[in-house]
Amino acid sequence: MSMLITVLGSGTSQGVPVIGCQCPVCQSNDPRDKRLRTSILIQTEQVTVAVDAGPDFRQQMLREGVNRLDAVLITHEHKDHIGGLDDLRPFIFRQEKPMVLYVSDEALPEVKREYSYAFEAHPYPGAPTYDIRKLDETPFDLGDLHIEPIRLKHFTLTCYGFRIGKFAYVTDLSEIPEGIVERLQGVDYLIIEALQKKKHYSHITLEEAIAVAKRINPKRTWFTHCSHSMGRYVDVCRELPEGMSLAFDGMKFMVE
């Protein structure tokens, strides 16, 4: 099985550029410094799956020309990861069936609160319809994908990363226990968050992410969920170890 991975967004909750900011990153003309809210798309011969649907979801789908979507995996309930769930409606209407959402018990109450109109006994005509499926650490198959959810700690919240064969996607975490590193052994392609260089209470830093990547030792590592304080793409990438770089919006790669 081959997977095409597309980085839909590589930015933090405010996106980059940040509104009103005059820093060198926010004023950069390099398209790799324009970071929409963090999300990826996974495409195989059988299925197309998004991980998260944040406030930039509509723009990301239009940019990538996506005309089919089979499911969305929700990492956690923060707005920058669920703010675009209403924009699933064109897929729902065209495909004539509810959109499959994999959501944890921890995140589901917030999804239902945010999109209460979709969960009413008699929904308003035109409201989105969702096929909610429980997300926990139980592996599951979605078409030709075998997905292993990985429970992570994001300050006081639960967040899920995902391993799919030789690929792993890990975002929004404040620490990585030893057991998680062990579960990611054998991964060849890793996307992992690195908010910034300075210590943060709910996200790991670039230094911490590099250390984790070295322990997992994939062939290629990309850092995502980057804030404007991380620095410009070209400057940061010059400092990184071989085989590591920042992710950027629209970036694509194949996993065999």
Protein backbone atom coordinates (compact mmCIF):
# COMPACT_ATOMS: atom_id res chain seq x y z
CA MET A 1 0.00 0.00 0.00
CA SER A 2 1.20 3.50 -0.88
CA MET A 3 0.12 6.65 0.96
CA LEU A 4 0.37 10.22 -0.26
CA ILE A 5 0.74 12.56 2.70
CA THR A 6 -0.07 16.24 2.22
CA VAL A 7 0.59 18.85 4.88
CA LEU A 8 -2.58 20.95 4.82
CA GLY A 9 -1.33 23.30 7.51
CA SER A 10 1.79 23.54 9.65
CA GLY A 11 1.00 26.49 11.91
CA THR A 12 -0.09 27.00 15.46
CA SER A 13 -3.50 28.12 16.74
CA GLN A 14 -3.08 31.73 15.56
CA GLY A 15 -1.67 30.77 12.18
CA VAL A 16 1.27 32.54 10.55
CA PRO A 17 1.35 35.42 9.81
CA VAL A 18 -0.24 36.46 13.07
CA ILE A 19 -2.73 39.30 12.72
CA GLY A 20 -0.98 42.64 13.16
CA CYS A 21 2.50 41.19 13.74
CA GLN A 22 5.50 42.90 12.15
CA CYS A 23 8.13 40.25 12.95
CA PRO A 24 10.41 38.93 10.15
CA VAL A 25 8.48 35.66 9.91
CA CYS A 26 5.07 37.29 9.61
CA GLN A 27 6.45 39.76 7.06
CA SER A 28 8.30 37.09 5.06
CA ASN A 29 7.55 36.64 1.36
CA ASP A 30 8.61 32.98 1.47
CA PRO A 31 5.43 30.87 1.02
CA ARG A 32 6.92 28.31 3.42
CA ASP A 33 6.48 30.90 6.18
CA LYS A 34 2.72 31.09 5.55
CA ARG A 35 1.36 28.50 7.98
CA LEU A 36 -2.32 27.64 8.19
CA ARG A 37 -3.67 25.72 11.18
CA THR A 38 -2.16 22.26 11.57
CA SER A 39 -3.68 19.36 9.63
CA ILE A 40 -2.70 16.65 7.17
CA LEU A 41 -4.38 14.67 4.40
CA ILE A 42 -3.74 10.96 3.80
CA GLN A 43 -4.63 9.48 0.40
CA THR A 44 -4.46 5.88 -0.79
CA GLU A 45 -6.09 4.00 -3.64
CA GLN A 46 -9.07 3.27 -1.39
CA VAL A 47 -9.53 6.19 1.00
CA THR A 48 -8.91 9.88 1.61
CA VAL A 49 -8.64 10.83 5.28
CA ALA A 50 -7.97 14.14 7.03
CA VAL A 51 -6.42 14.46 10.45
CA ASP A 52 -8.25 17.40 12.05
CA ALA A 53 -10.37 20.07 10.40
CA GLY A 54 -9.46 23.47 11.76
CA PRO A 55 -10.64 26.99 10.89
CA ASP A 56 -8.64 26.94 7.61
CA PHE A 57 -10.14 23.63 6.42
CA ARG A 58 -12.18 25.09 3.55
CA GLN A 59 -9.18 26.99 2.19
CA GLN A 60 -6.99 23.90 2.50
CA MET A 61 -9.47 21.68 0.63
CA LEU A 62 -9.82 24.22 -2.18
CA ARG A 63 -6.06 24.69 -2.44
CA GLU A 64 -5.44 20.94 -2.76
CA GLY A 65 -8.44 20.27 -5.04
CA VAL A 66 -9.88 17.59 -2.76
CA ASN A 67 -13.20 16.26 -4.11
CA ARG A 68 -13.67 13.23 -1.87
CA LEU A 69 -13.23 12.66 1.84
CA ASP A 70 -13.98 9.44 3.68
CA ALA A 71 -13.23 10.32 7.30
CA VAL A 72 -11.69 12.81 9.70
CA LEU A 73 -9.55 11.80 12.68
CA ILE A 74 -9.83 14.31 15.51
CA THR A 75 -6.67 14.60 17.60
CA HIS A 76 -8.33 16.70 20.33
CA GLU A 77 -10.95 19.34 20.92
CA HIS A 78 -9.10 22.64 20.61
CA LYS A 79 -10.64 25.13 18.20
CA ASP A 80 -7.70 25.09 15.79
CA HIS A 81 -8.36 21.38 15.25
CA ILE A 82 -12.18 21.24 15.07
CA GLY A 83 -13.12 24.73 13.88
CA GLY A 84 -13.78 23.59 10.31
CA LEU A 85 -16.09 20.64 10.89
CA ASP A 86 -19.05 22.56 9.47
CA ASP A 87 -17.13 22.85 6.19
CA LEU A 88 -17.48 19.09 5.75
CA ARG A 89 -20.99 19.76 4.43
CA PRO A 90 -20.07 19.78 0.71
CA PHE A 91 -18.56 16.30 1.07
CA ILE A 92 -21.55 15.11 3.10
CA PHE A 93 -24.06 16.43 0.57
CA ARG A 94 -22.15 15.22 -2.51
CA GLN A 95 -21.38 11.78 -1.09
CA GLU A 96 -24.93 11.52 0.31
CA LYS A 97 -23.93 10.08 3.66
CA PRO A 98 -22.77 11.32 7.06
CA MET A 99 -19.08 12.09 7.45
CA VAL A 100 -17.19 9.59 9.57
CA LEU A 101 -15.54 11.29 12.54
CA TYR A 102 -13.20 9.40 14.87
CA VAL A 103 -13.47 11.28 18.16
CA SER A 104 -12.32 10.42 21.67
CA ASP A 105 -14.67 10.45 24.66
CA GLU A 106 -12.72 13.43 25.96
CA ALA A 107 -13.19 15.50 22.78
CA LEU A 108 -16.75 14.52 21.86
CA PRO A 109 -18.57 16.80 24.38
CA GLU A 110 -16.81 19.86 22.92
CA VAL A 111 -17.61 18.79 19.35
CA LYS A 112 -21.27 18.40 20.33
CA ARG A 113 -21.28 21.76 22.09
CA GLU A 114 -19.59 23.58 19.21
CA TYR A 115 -21.86 21.99 16.60
CA SER A 116 -25.00 21.50 18.67
CA TYR A 117 -27.21 22.13 15.64
CA ALA A 118 -25.87 18.93 14.06
CA PHE A 119 -26.80 16.79 17.06
CA GLU A 120 -30.35 17.97 17.74
CA ALA A 121 -33.21 15.49 17.61
CA HIS A 122 -34.62 17.39 14.64
CA PRO A 123 -31.65 19.12 13.00
CA TYR A 124 -32.11 22.27 10.94
CA PRO A 125 -32.25 21.42 7.20
CA GLY A 126 -28.77 21.65 5.71
CA ALA A 127 -26.96 20.92 8.96
CA PRO A 128 -23.98 18.56 8.69
CA THR A 129 -24.47 14.92 9.63
CA TYR A 130 -21.73 12.95 11.33
CA ASP A 131 -21.09 9.25 11.85
CA ILE A 132 -19.32 9.38 15.21
CA ARG A 133 -16.92 6.55 15.93
CA LYS A 134 -15.09 6.17 19.21
CA LEU A 135 -11.38 6.92 19.18
CA ASP A 136 -9.21 5.33 21.84
CA GLU A 137 -5.97 3.36 21.72
CA THR A 138 -7.61 0.44 19.92
CA PRO A 139 -6.15 0.05 16.41
CA PHE A 140 -8.66 0.09 13.56
CA ASP A 141 -8.83 -0.30 9.78
CA LEU A 142 -10.12 2.39 7.47
CA GLY A 143 -10.13 1.12 3.91
CA ASP A 144 -6.58 -0.06 3.26
CA LEU A 145 -5.18 1.91 6.23
CA HIS A 146 -4.32 0.22 9.50
CA ILE A 147 -4.33 3.01 12.08
CA GLU A 148 -2.77 2.80 15.53
CA PRO A 149 -3.93 5.67 17.76
CA ILE A 150 -1.44 6.84 20.37
CA ARG A 151 -2.72 8.60 23.49
CA LEU A 152 -0.72 11.70 24.40
CA LYS A 153 -0.81 14.38 27.08
CA HIS A 154 -1.45 17.96 25.96
CA PHE A 155 -1.20 19.81 29.27
CA THR A 156 -4.56 18.95 30.90
CA LEU A 157 -6.08 17.48 27.74
CA THR A 158 -5.83 14.15 25.96
CA CYS A 159 -4.56 14.31 22.40
CA TYR A 160 -4.08 11.45 19.93
CA GLY A 161 -1.24 10.84 17.55
CA PHE A 162 -1.40 8.20 14.84
CA ARG A 163 0.93 5.57 13.47
CA ILE A 164 0.09 4.12 10.07
CA GLY A 165 2.71 1.59 9.02
CA LYS A 166 6.01 3.38 8.47
CA PHE A 167 4.47 6.82 9.02
CA ALA A 168 3.56 8.63 12.25
CA TYR A 169 1.87 11.94 12.93
CA VAL A 170 2.21 13.46 16.39
CA THR A 171 0.98 16.93 17.25
CA ASP A 172 -0.03 18.94 20.33
CA LEU A 173 1.76 17.27 23.19
CA SER A 174 3.47 18.51 26.31
CA GLU A 175 5.56 15.40 26.96
CA ILE A 176 6.42 12.05 25.38
CA PRO A 177 6.65 9.09 27.75
CA GLU A 178 9.22 6.39 27.07
CA GLY A 179 6.52 3.96 26.00
CA ILE A 180 5.47 6.27 23.17
CA VAL A 181 9.00 6.37 21.79
CA GLU A 182 9.04 2.58 21.85
CA ARG A 183 5.75 2.40 19.94
CA LEU A 184 7.18 4.62 17.22
CA GLN A 185 10.28 2.53 16.64
CA GLY A 186 10.52 1.43 13.00
CA VAL A 187 8.79 4.54 11.64
CA ASP A 188 10.54 5.85 8.52
CA TYR A 189 8.61 9.11 8.17
CA LEU A 190 7.69 11.26 11.16
CA ILE A 191 5.77 14.51 11.46
CA ILE A 192 5.98 15.83 15.01
CA GLU A 193 5.09 19.15 16.55
CA ALA A 194 7.67 21.72 17.62
CA LEU A 195 5.94 24.91 18.69
CA GLN A 196 8.98 27.13 19.14
CA LYS A 197 12.46 27.21 20.63
CA LYS A 198 11.39 28.66 23.98
CA LYS A 199 9.88 26.39 26.65
CA HIS A 200 6.07 26.21 26.64
CA TYR A 201 3.66 24.71 29.17
CA SER A 202 1.54 22.69 26.71
CA HIS A 203 3.76 22.03 23.70
CA ILE A 204 7.22 20.58 23.21
CA THR A 205 10.02 22.78 21.94
CA LEU A 206 12.14 22.33 18.84
CA GLU A 207 15.00 21.01 20.98
CA GLU A 208 12.71 18.47 22.64
CA ALA A 209 11.24 17.39 19.31
CA ILE A 210 14.71 16.90 17.83
CA ALA A 211 15.68 14.74 20.81
CA VAL A 212 12.58 12.58 20.38
CA ALA A 213 13.18 12.25 16.64
CA LYS A 214 16.76 11.12 17.26
CA ARG A 215 15.49 8.38 19.57
CA ILE A 216 12.91 7.20 17.04
CA ASN A 217 15.48 7.57 14.24
CA PRO A 218 13.24 7.76 11.13
CA LYS A 219 14.65 8.38 7.67
CA ARG A 220 12.93 11.79 7.52
CA THR A 221 11.46 14.04 10.18
CA TRP A 222 9.39 17.18 9.72
CA PHE A 223 8.36 19.60 12.46
CA THR A 224 4.86 21.07 12.44
CA HIS A 225 2.52 23.24 14.55
CA CYS A 226 5.18 25.95 14.43
CA SER A 227 4.54 29.47 15.72
CA HIS A 228 5.99 32.64 14.25
CA SER A 229 8.49 32.75 17.11
CA MET A 230 10.12 29.60 15.69
CA GLY A 231 11.85 31.69 13.03
CA ARG A 232 11.92 31.75 9.26
CA TYR A 233 11.85 28.45 7.39
CA VAL A 234 15.22 28.91 5.70
CA ASP A 235 16.98 30.00 8.89
CA VAL A 236 15.64 27.18 11.07
CA CYS A 237 16.28 24.47 8.50
CA ARG A 238 19.94 25.46 8.30
CA GLU A 239 20.27 24.69 12.01
CA LEU A 240 18.61 21.27 11.96
CA PRO A 241 20.33 17.88 11.91
CA GLU A 242 20.50 15.94 8.66
CA GLY A 243 17.20 14.39 7.68
CA MET A 244 15.14 16.95 9.61
CA SER A 245 13.33 20.07 8.44
CA LEU A 246 10.27 22.18 9.11
CA ALA A 247 7.09 21.06 7.42
CA PHE A 248 5.39 23.61 5.19
CA ASP A 249 1.88 24.01 3.84
CA GLY A 250 1.30 22.03 0.64
CA MET A 251 4.29 19.75 1.22
CA LYS A 252 3.74 16.21 -0.12
CA PHE A 253 5.56 12.90 0.17
CA MET A 254 4.89 9.23 -0.51
CA VAL A 255 5.07 6.45 2.05
CA GLU A 256 5.39 2.94 0.64
